[in-house]
Amino acid sequence: MPRENVIVDPGVGLRQTLEQNLEIVGALDEFKCLNQAHLVGRRDKSMIGLVLLTSGPPDQRLEGTAGPVAISIAKGADIVRRP
């Protein structure tokens, strides 16, 4: 497979603890050393609910999702996708 066809996905929100997810988001810029495009999946899931201290449904967590998305872009995420 050609290297330019590879995209790194650090897996934010995939079975990590809240602390692990926040650590991944905080370290996204470190993935740039791989010289590969990387993406972050926008998730309105439990991680956002924990940060917002809400048990509301995912569609009420948009504001809480915007922050991690903005940080991800600022730290060099090339792609942000919505699951």
N, C-alpha and C. Protein backbone atom coordinates (compact mmCIF):
# COMPACT_ATOMS: atom_id res chain seq x y z
N MET A 1 0.85 -1.17 0.00
CA MET A 1 0.00 0.00 0.00
C MET A 1 0.90 1.23 0.00
N PRO A 2 0.62 2.18 -0.85
CA PRO A 2 1.42 3.40 -0.88
C PRO A 2 1.27 4.18 0.43
N ARG A 3 2.37 4.73 0.90
CA ARG A 3 2.40 5.47 2.16
C ARG A 3 1.38 6.62 2.17
N GLU A 4 1.17 7.26 1.03
CA GLU A 4 0.23 8.38 0.99
C GLU A 4 -1.22 7.94 1.16
N ASN A 5 -1.48 6.65 1.13
CA ASN A 5 -2.82 6.12 1.36
C ASN A 5 -3.08 5.76 2.82
N VAL A 6 -2.11 5.98 3.68
CA VAL A 6 -2.24 5.64 5.10
C VAL A 6 -2.63 6.88 5.89
N ILE A 7 -3.63 6.73 6.73
CA ILE A 7 -4.07 7.79 7.63
C ILE A 7 -4.02 7.24 9.04
N VAL A 8 -3.40 7.98 9.95
CA VAL A 8 -3.27 7.56 11.35
C VAL A 8 -4.51 8.01 12.12
N ASP A 9 -5.12 7.08 12.82
CA ASP A 9 -6.27 7.38 13.68
C ASP A 9 -5.90 6.95 15.09
N PRO A 10 -5.64 7.90 15.99
CA PRO A 10 -5.24 7.53 17.34
C PRO A 10 -6.36 6.91 18.17
N GLY A 11 -7.58 6.91 17.67
CA GLY A 11 -8.67 6.19 18.33
C GLY A 11 -9.25 6.86 19.55
N VAL A 12 -9.38 8.16 19.53
CA VAL A 12 -9.99 8.86 20.66
C VAL A 12 -11.39 8.31 20.87
N GLY A 13 -11.69 7.93 22.10
CA GLY A 13 -13.02 7.45 22.45
C GLY A 13 -13.24 5.96 22.26
N LEU A 14 -12.21 5.24 21.89
CA LEU A 14 -12.37 3.80 21.65
C LEU A 14 -11.86 2.98 22.82
N ARG A 15 -12.69 2.88 23.84
CA ARG A 15 -12.44 2.04 25.01
C ARG A 15 -11.32 2.52 25.94
N GLN A 16 -10.94 3.78 25.84
CA GLN A 16 -9.98 4.32 26.78
C GLN A 16 -10.74 4.99 27.92
N THR A 17 -10.02 5.26 29.00
CA THR A 17 -10.61 6.02 30.08
C THR A 17 -10.66 7.49 29.66
N LEU A 18 -11.39 8.29 30.41
CA LEU A 18 -11.45 9.71 30.13
C LEU A 18 -10.04 10.31 30.14
N GLU A 19 -9.26 9.93 31.13
CA GLU A 19 -7.89 10.45 31.25
C GLU A 19 -7.05 10.08 30.04
N GLN A 20 -7.18 8.84 29.57
CA GLN A 20 -6.42 8.40 28.39
C GLN A 20 -6.85 9.17 27.14
N ASN A 21 -8.15 9.39 26.99
CA ASN A 21 -8.64 10.15 25.84
C ASN A 21 -8.12 11.58 25.86
N LEU A 22 -8.15 12.21 27.02
CA LEU A 22 -7.65 13.58 27.12
C LEU A 22 -6.15 13.63 26.85
N GLU A 23 -5.44 12.60 27.28
CA GLU A 23 -4.00 12.53 27.00
C GLU A 23 -3.73 12.41 25.50
N ILE A 24 -4.52 11.59 24.81
CA ILE A 24 -4.36 11.44 23.36
C ILE A 24 -4.61 12.78 22.66
N VAL A 25 -5.71 13.44 23.02
CA VAL A 25 -6.01 14.73 22.39
C VAL A 25 -4.89 15.73 22.67
N GLY A 26 -4.38 15.72 23.88
CA GLY A 26 -3.30 16.64 24.24
C GLY A 26 -1.99 16.36 23.52
N ALA A 27 -1.81 15.14 23.06
CA ALA A 27 -0.55 14.75 22.41
C ALA A 27 -0.67 14.60 20.90
N LEU A 28 -1.76 15.05 20.32
CA LEU A 28 -1.96 14.86 18.88
C LEU A 28 -0.83 15.41 18.03
N ASP A 29 -0.25 16.52 18.45
CA ASP A 29 0.83 17.10 17.66
C ASP A 29 2.05 16.19 17.57
N GLU A 30 2.19 15.27 18.50
CA GLU A 30 3.32 14.33 18.48
C GLU A 30 3.20 13.32 17.33
N PHE A 31 2.00 13.11 16.82
CA PHE A 31 1.82 12.18 15.70
C PHE A 31 2.39 12.73 14.40
N LYS A 32 2.62 14.04 14.34
CA LYS A 32 3.17 14.64 13.13
C LYS A 32 4.55 14.09 12.78
N CYS A 33 5.28 13.58 13.77
CA CYS A 33 6.61 13.03 13.49
C CYS A 33 6.53 11.82 12.56
N LEU A 34 5.33 11.23 12.42
CA LEU A 34 5.15 10.08 11.53
C LEU A 34 5.06 10.51 10.07
N ASN A 35 4.92 11.82 9.84
CA ASN A 35 4.77 12.35 8.47
C ASN A 35 3.64 11.66 7.71
N GLN A 36 2.54 11.44 8.41
CA GLN A 36 1.34 10.85 7.82
C GLN A 36 0.16 11.74 8.18
N ALA A 37 -0.83 11.76 7.33
CA ALA A 37 -2.07 12.44 7.67
C ALA A 37 -2.69 11.73 8.87
N HIS A 38 -3.30 12.50 9.76
CA HIS A 38 -4.01 11.85 10.85
C HIS A 38 -5.37 12.49 11.05
N LEU A 39 -6.27 11.67 11.55
CA LEU A 39 -7.64 12.11 11.72
C LEU A 39 -8.07 11.94 13.16
N VAL A 40 -9.10 12.67 13.50
CA VAL A 40 -9.73 12.53 14.81
C VAL A 40 -11.21 12.37 14.54
N GLY A 41 -11.80 11.35 15.14
CA GLY A 41 -13.24 11.13 15.00
C GLY A 41 -13.99 11.97 16.00
N ARG A 42 -14.89 12.78 15.51
CA ARG A 42 -15.74 13.59 16.39
C ARG A 42 -16.76 12.67 17.02
N ARG A 43 -16.77 12.63 18.33
CA ARG A 43 -17.67 11.74 19.03
C ARG A 43 -18.48 12.52 20.05
N ASP A 44 -19.78 12.32 20.03
CA ASP A 44 -20.66 12.95 21.02
C ASP A 44 -21.03 11.90 22.06
N LYS A 45 -20.04 11.18 22.53
CA LYS A 45 -20.30 10.02 23.37
C LYS A 45 -20.00 10.29 24.83
N SER A 46 -19.71 9.23 25.55
CA SER A 46 -19.54 9.32 26.99
C SER A 46 -18.40 10.23 27.41
N MET A 47 -17.31 10.30 26.64
CA MET A 47 -16.19 11.16 27.01
C MET A 47 -16.67 12.61 27.16
N ILE A 48 -17.46 13.07 26.20
CA ILE A 48 -17.96 14.44 26.25
C ILE A 48 -18.93 14.60 27.41
N GLY A 49 -19.76 13.60 27.63
CA GLY A 49 -20.68 13.65 28.76
C GLY A 49 -19.96 13.74 30.08
N LEU A 50 -18.84 13.03 30.22
CA LEU A 50 -18.06 13.08 31.45
C LEU A 50 -17.42 14.45 31.64
N VAL A 51 -16.90 15.01 30.56
CA VAL A 51 -16.27 16.33 30.66
C VAL A 51 -17.31 17.39 30.99
N LEU A 52 -18.48 17.28 30.36
CA LEU A 52 -19.54 18.26 30.59
C LEU A 52 -20.33 17.98 31.87
N LEU A 53 -20.09 16.84 32.49
CA LEU A 53 -20.83 16.41 33.68
C LEU A 53 -22.33 16.37 33.42
N THR A 54 -22.68 15.76 32.28
CA THR A 54 -24.08 15.65 31.91
C THR A 54 -24.40 14.22 31.51
N SER A 55 -25.60 13.82 31.74
CA SER A 55 -26.03 12.50 31.29
C SER A 55 -27.02 12.64 30.14
N GLY A 56 -27.11 13.85 29.58
CA GLY A 56 -28.02 14.09 28.47
C GLY A 56 -27.64 13.28 27.25
N PRO A 57 -28.55 13.22 26.29
CA PRO A 57 -28.29 12.44 25.07
C PRO A 57 -27.18 13.09 24.24
N PRO A 58 -26.52 12.27 23.40
CA PRO A 58 -25.41 12.77 22.58
C PRO A 58 -25.74 14.00 21.75
N ASP A 59 -26.98 14.13 21.26
CA ASP A 59 -27.29 15.30 20.43
C ASP A 59 -27.32 16.61 21.22
N GLN A 60 -27.18 16.53 22.54
CA GLN A 60 -27.11 17.73 23.37
C GLN A 60 -25.68 18.02 23.82
N ARG A 61 -24.71 17.41 23.16
CA ARG A 61 -23.31 17.57 23.54
C ARG A 61 -22.48 18.27 22.48
N LEU A 62 -23.13 18.95 21.56
CA LEU A 62 -22.41 19.58 20.46
C LEU A 62 -21.36 20.57 20.94
N GLU A 63 -21.70 21.42 21.91
CA GLU A 63 -20.74 22.39 22.40
C GLU A 63 -19.53 21.70 23.03
N GLY A 64 -19.76 20.60 23.71
CA GLY A 64 -18.67 19.86 24.32
C GLY A 64 -17.79 19.16 23.31
N THR A 65 -18.34 18.89 22.15
CA THR A 65 -17.58 18.26 21.07
C THR A 65 -16.74 19.30 20.33
N ALA A 66 -17.25 20.52 20.22
CA ALA A 66 -16.55 21.57 19.48
C ALA A 66 -15.17 21.86 20.06
N GLY A 67 -15.04 21.82 21.36
CA GLY A 67 -13.74 22.09 22.00
C GLY A 67 -12.67 21.09 21.59
N PRO A 68 -12.90 19.79 21.78
CA PRO A 68 -11.89 18.82 21.36
C PRO A 68 -11.60 18.85 19.86
N VAL A 69 -12.62 19.16 19.05
CA VAL A 69 -12.40 19.26 17.60
C VAL A 69 -11.47 20.43 17.31
N ALA A 70 -11.72 21.58 17.93
CA ALA A 70 -10.88 22.76 17.72
C ALA A 70 -9.45 22.49 18.18
N ILE A 71 -9.30 21.85 19.34
CA ILE A 71 -7.96 21.52 19.84
C ILE A 71 -7.26 20.55 18.88
N SER A 72 -7.99 19.57 18.39
CA SER A 72 -7.42 18.60 17.46
C SER A 72 -6.90 19.28 16.19
N ILE A 73 -7.68 20.21 15.67
CA ILE A 73 -7.25 20.93 14.48
C ILE A 73 -6.03 21.79 14.79
N ALA A 74 -6.05 22.47 15.92
CA ALA A 74 -4.92 23.31 16.32
C ALA A 74 -3.66 22.49 16.51
N LYS A 75 -3.80 21.23 16.91
CA LYS A 75 -2.66 20.36 17.13
C LYS A 75 -2.29 19.57 15.88
N GLY A 76 -2.92 19.89 14.75
CA GLY A 76 -2.48 19.33 13.49
C GLY A 76 -3.30 18.22 12.87
N ALA A 77 -4.48 17.94 13.41
CA ALA A 77 -5.31 16.91 12.77
C ALA A 77 -5.63 17.35 11.35
N ASP A 78 -5.44 16.45 10.41
CA ASP A 78 -5.69 16.75 9.01
C ASP A 78 -7.14 16.50 8.62
N ILE A 79 -7.78 15.59 9.34
CA ILE A 79 -9.15 15.19 9.02
C ILE A 79 -9.92 15.07 10.34
N VAL A 80 -11.13 15.61 10.36
CA VAL A 80 -12.04 15.41 11.48
C VAL A 80 -13.28 14.76 10.89
N ARG A 81 -13.64 13.61 11.42
CA ARG A 81 -14.80 12.92 10.86
C ARG A 81 -15.85 12.74 11.93
N ARG A 82 -17.05 12.64 11.50
CA ARG A 82 -18.16 12.35 12.39
C ARG A 82 -18.55 10.90 12.20
N PRO A 83 -18.60 10.13 13.27
CA PRO A 83 -18.96 8.71 13.12
C PRO A 83 -20.38 8.52 12.64
